[in-house]
N, C-alpha and C. Protein backbone atom coordinates (compact mmCIF):
# COMPACT_ATOMS: atom_id res chain seq x y z
N UNK A 1 67.09 134.46 104.40
CA UNK A 1 66.97 132.90 105.09
C UNK A 1 67.83 132.76 106.12
N UNK A 2 66.98 132.56 107.64
CA UNK A 2 67.32 132.41 108.80
C UNK A 2 68.14 131.15 108.97
N UNK A 3 68.92 131.26 109.66
CA UNK A 3 69.57 129.66 110.23
C UNK A 3 68.83 128.75 110.53
N UNK A 4 67.19 128.70 111.02
CA UNK A 4 66.49 127.88 111.19
C UNK A 4 65.87 127.13 109.93
N UNK A 5 65.37 128.45 108.73
CA UNK A 5 64.92 127.85 107.95
C UNK A 5 65.52 126.31 107.37
N UNK A 6 64.61 125.70 106.50
CA UNK A 6 65.35 124.86 105.34
C UNK A 6 65.64 125.27 104.12
N UNK A 7 66.67 124.85 103.39
CA UNK A 7 67.14 125.78 102.44
C UNK A 7 66.07 125.55 101.00
N UNK A 8 65.42 123.64 100.96
CA UNK A 8 65.15 123.14 99.96
C UNK A 8 66.15 122.50 99.21
N UNK A 9 67.18 123.00 99.25
CA UNK A 9 68.61 122.00 98.31
C UNK A 9 69.13 120.56 99.52
N UNK A 10 69.19 119.77 98.73
CA UNK A 10 69.65 118.18 99.32
C UNK A 10 71.20 118.66 99.52
N UNK A 11 71.80 118.09 100.63
CA UNK A 11 73.03 117.72 100.52
C UNK A 11 73.96 116.49 99.66
N UNK A 12 74.78 116.98 98.97
CA UNK A 12 75.31 115.99 98.37
C UNK A 12 75.67 114.61 98.58
N UNK A 13 76.51 114.69 100.17
CA UNK A 13 76.54 113.56 100.84
C UNK A 13 75.16 112.52 101.40
N UNK A 14 74.40 113.27 101.96
CA UNK A 14 73.45 112.99 103.06
C UNK A 14 72.08 112.31 102.12
N UNK A 15 72.27 113.84 101.17
CA UNK A 15 71.16 113.68 100.36
C UNK A 15 69.90 114.02 100.84
N UNK A 16 69.82 114.59 102.04
CA UNK A 16 68.58 115.14 102.47
C UNK A 16 68.53 117.14 102.76
N UNK A 17 67.86 117.14 102.88
CA UNK A 17 67.39 118.81 103.07
C UNK A 17 67.47 119.35 104.40
N UNK A 18 67.20 117.73 105.31
CA UNK A 18 66.95 118.66 106.91
C UNK A 18 67.69 119.33 107.75
N UNK A 19 69.15 119.12 107.65
CA UNK A 19 70.18 120.31 107.77
C UNK A 19 71.08 120.97 107.31
N UNK A 20 70.41 121.62 105.98
CA UNK A 20 71.11 122.23 105.02
C UNK A 20 70.53 123.64 105.12
N UNK A 21 71.72 124.56 104.89
CA UNK A 21 71.00 125.74 105.37
C UNK A 21 72.24 126.76 104.57
N UNK A 22 71.66 127.96 103.80
CA UNK A 22 72.17 129.04 103.18
C UNK A 22 73.15 129.75 103.61
N UNK A 23 74.56 129.55 103.42
CA UNK A 23 75.37 130.16 103.89
C UNK A 23 76.82 130.82 102.59
N UNK A 24 77.89 131.89 102.84
CA UNK A 24 78.64 132.46 102.38
C UNK A 24 79.88 131.57 102.13
N UNK A 25 80.19 130.78 101.26
CA UNK A 25 81.47 129.99 101.47
C UNK A 25 83.14 130.42 100.97
N UNK A 26 83.74 130.49 101.16
CA UNK A 26 85.18 130.93 100.56
C UNK A 26 85.63 129.70 99.53
N UNK A 27 86.07 130.00 98.35
CA UNK A 27 86.12 129.34 97.13
C UNK A 27 87.62 129.61 96.95
N UNK A 28 88.25 128.85 96.31
CA UNK A 28 89.58 129.58 95.82
C UNK A 28 89.64 129.81 94.60
N UNK A 29 90.75 131.12 94.40
CA UNK A 29 91.10 131.63 93.34
C UNK A 29 91.53 131.33 91.93
N UNK A 30 92.13 130.28 92.11
CA UNK A 30 92.11 129.58 90.65
C UNK A 30 92.02 128.05 90.94
N UNK A 31 91.95 127.34 89.69
CA UNK A 31 91.68 125.64 90.04
C UNK A 31 92.72 125.34 90.01
N UNK A 32 93.13 123.71 89.91
CA UNK A 32 94.19 123.49 89.84
C UNK A 32 95.08 123.39 88.99
N UNK A 33 93.81 123.28 87.60
CA UNK A 33 94.64 122.97 86.41
C UNK A 33 95.19 124.39 86.09
N UNK A 34 95.14 125.33 86.48
CA UNK A 34 95.63 126.47 86.50
C UNK A 34 96.72 126.75 87.02
N UNK A 35 96.79 126.39 88.31
CA UNK A 35 98.01 125.95 89.08
C UNK A 35 99.03 125.14 88.89
N UNK A 36 98.60 123.99 88.41
CA UNK A 36 99.50 122.82 87.89
C UNK A 36 99.18 122.41 86.88
N UNK A 37 99.48 122.89 85.63
CA UNK A 37 99.47 122.78 84.45
C UNK A 37 99.82 121.08 83.94
N UNK A 38 98.78 120.30 83.24
CA UNK A 38 99.18 118.80 83.18
C UNK A 38 98.97 118.16 83.92
N UNK A 39 98.39 118.51 85.15
CA UNK A 39 98.42 117.42 86.44
C UNK A 39 96.66 117.14 86.39
N UNK A 40 95.66 117.53 85.91
CA UNK A 40 94.94 117.26 85.75
C UNK A 40 94.11 116.81 85.14
N UNK A 41 93.01 115.64 84.62
CA UNK A 41 92.59 115.00 83.70
C UNK A 41 91.85 115.95 83.01
N UNK A 42 91.78 115.98 81.63
CA UNK A 42 90.79 116.30 80.93
C UNK A 42 89.48 116.25 80.92
N UNK A 43 88.53 117.18 81.24
CA UNK A 43 87.14 116.76 81.22
C UNK A 43 86.91 116.50 82.82
N UNK A 44 87.99 116.24 83.25
CA UNK A 44 87.32 115.98 85.10
C UNK A 44 87.06 117.22 86.18
N UNK A 45 86.24 116.92 86.87
CA UNK A 45 85.88 117.84 87.78
C UNK A 45 85.64 117.54 89.00
N UNK A 46 86.96 117.87 89.79
CA UNK A 46 86.45 117.67 91.15
C UNK A 46 85.79 117.90 91.82
N UNK A 47 84.75 117.40 92.69
CA UNK A 47 83.53 117.98 93.04
C UNK A 47 84.03 118.26 94.49
N UNK A 48 85.05 118.20 95.02
CA UNK A 48 85.46 118.73 96.24
C UNK A 48 86.03 120.12 96.79
N UNK A 49 86.37 120.47 95.50
CA UNK A 49 86.96 122.19 95.21
C UNK A 49 86.36 122.30 94.57
N UNK A 50 86.43 123.99 94.54
CA UNK A 50 85.86 124.80 93.55
C UNK A 50 86.62 126.12 93.12
N UNK A 51 86.39 126.92 92.38
CA UNK A 51 87.71 127.79 92.04
C UNK A 51 86.72 129.26 91.16
N UNK A 52 87.00 129.96 91.44
CA UNK A 52 86.60 131.59 90.74
C UNK A 52 86.32 130.95 89.34
N UNK A 53 87.16 130.96 88.85
CA UNK A 53 87.55 130.49 87.52
C UNK A 53 86.97 129.24 86.93
N UNK A 54 86.29 128.71 87.73
CA UNK A 54 85.34 127.32 87.45
C UNK A 54 83.87 127.88 87.36
N UNK A 55 84.08 128.94 88.21
CA UNK A 55 82.22 129.72 87.93
C UNK A 55 81.73 130.27 86.92
N UNK A 56 80.41 131.00 86.39
CA UNK A 56 80.09 131.45 85.78
C UNK A 56 80.01 132.97 86.12
N UNK A 57 81.19 133.63 85.65
CA UNK A 57 81.16 135.42 86.22
C UNK A 57 79.71 136.41 87.04
N UNK A 58 79.32 135.98 86.11
CA UNK A 58 77.98 136.26 86.35
C UNK A 58 77.24 136.39 87.53
N UNK A 59 77.60 135.17 87.70
CA UNK A 59 77.20 134.33 89.32
C UNK A 59 77.70 134.96 90.57
N UNK A 60 79.02 135.28 90.39
CA UNK A 60 80.25 135.69 91.61
C UNK A 60 79.98 137.32 91.83
N UNK A 61 79.73 137.61 93.29
CA UNK A 61 80.30 138.92 93.43
C UNK A 61 81.33 139.84 92.47
N UNK A 62 81.70 141.05 92.63
CA UNK A 62 82.35 141.87 92.11
C UNK A 62 83.86 141.62 92.87
N UNK A 63 84.50 142.11 92.42
CA UNK A 63 85.70 142.13 92.72
C UNK A 63 86.15 143.28 94.18
N UNK A 64 86.61 143.06 94.85
CA UNK A 64 87.69 141.97 95.23
C UNK A 64 86.95 140.85 96.34
N UNK A 65 85.64 140.72 95.95
CA UNK A 65 84.53 139.87 96.84
C UNK A 65 84.24 138.29 96.00
N UNK A 66 84.91 138.51 94.80
CA UNK A 66 84.49 137.41 94.01
C UNK A 66 84.45 135.29 94.46
N UNK A 67 85.63 135.77 95.63
CA UNK A 67 85.88 134.28 95.98
C UNK A 67 84.53 133.74 97.20
N UNK A 68 83.98 135.17 97.61
CA UNK A 68 82.83 134.60 98.59
C UNK A 68 81.32 134.32 97.38
N UNK A 69 81.25 133.02 98.00
CA UNK A 69 79.87 132.61 96.87
C UNK A 69 79.00 132.22 97.62
N UNK A 70 77.36 132.57 97.16
CA UNK A 70 75.86 131.97 97.55
C UNK A 70 76.29 130.00 97.79
N UNK A 71 76.64 129.54 99.17
CA UNK A 71 76.36 128.28 99.00
C UNK A 71 75.40 127.68 99.89
N UNK A 72 75.95 126.36 100.67
CA UNK A 72 75.04 125.81 101.28
C UNK A 72 76.03 125.21 102.14
N UNK A 73 75.37 124.95 103.18
CA UNK A 73 76.00 123.70 104.31
C UNK A 73 75.16 122.64 104.98
N UNK A 74 76.00 121.30 105.16
CA UNK A 74 75.33 120.67 105.69
C UNK A 74 75.60 120.26 107.05
N UNK A 75 74.85 121.01 108.38
CA UNK A 75 75.33 120.79 109.58
C UNK A 75 75.42 119.51 109.81
N UNK A 76 74.79 118.33 109.60
CA UNK A 76 74.71 116.60 109.81
C UNK A 76 76.22 115.92 109.50
N UNK A 77 76.55 116.43 108.33
CA UNK A 77 77.60 115.57 107.69
C UNK A 77 78.89 117.13 107.39
N UNK A 78 78.73 118.02 107.72
CA UNK A 78 79.96 119.25 107.80
C UNK A 78 80.39 119.54 106.53
N UNK A 79 79.35 119.66 105.31
CA UNK A 79 79.96 120.07 104.19
C UNK A 79 79.45 120.52 103.56
N UNK A 80 80.09 121.78 102.95
CA UNK A 80 79.80 123.01 102.29
C UNK A 80 79.74 123.01 101.12
N UNK A 81 78.96 123.44 100.23
CA UNK A 81 78.68 123.02 98.71
C UNK A 81 77.91 124.45 97.85
N UNK A 82 77.97 124.34 96.64
CA UNK A 82 77.43 125.06 96.05
C UNK A 82 76.40 124.51 94.72
N UNK A 83 75.66 125.45 94.67
CA UNK A 83 74.47 124.76 93.71
C UNK A 83 75.45 125.00 92.50
N UNK A 84 74.53 123.91 91.57
CA UNK A 84 75.30 123.63 90.01
C UNK A 84 75.23 124.48 89.57
N UNK A 85 74.37 125.15 89.65
CA UNK A 85 73.89 126.46 88.59
C UNK A 85 74.78 127.14 88.63
N UNK A 86 75.71 127.52 89.33
CA UNK A 86 77.13 128.11 89.79
C UNK A 86 78.31 128.25 88.63
N UNK A 87 78.41 126.83 88.54
CA UNK A 87 79.47 125.94 87.78
C UNK A 87 79.34 126.41 86.37
N UNK A 88 80.72 126.79 85.57
CA UNK A 88 80.13 126.76 83.82
C UNK A 88 79.94 125.30 83.75
């Protein structure tokens, strides 16, 4: 998909797909619950950060590139995000 084509995926912030384009995003290696045990509330999912251990392994690239995820970026909001289908 070229940068000039719309993705058809709506931005979670502005709810528009007009400025959304496909991008490769760098995500974290480990979630905060792994890095800081006991500090994350049970059942709580932060929508502002994602790590590889929170994603479906079959949706990630092979090691050592698993932190580079196919996602989206909204040029209007400056927000990068992933499709919910990537998450566990």
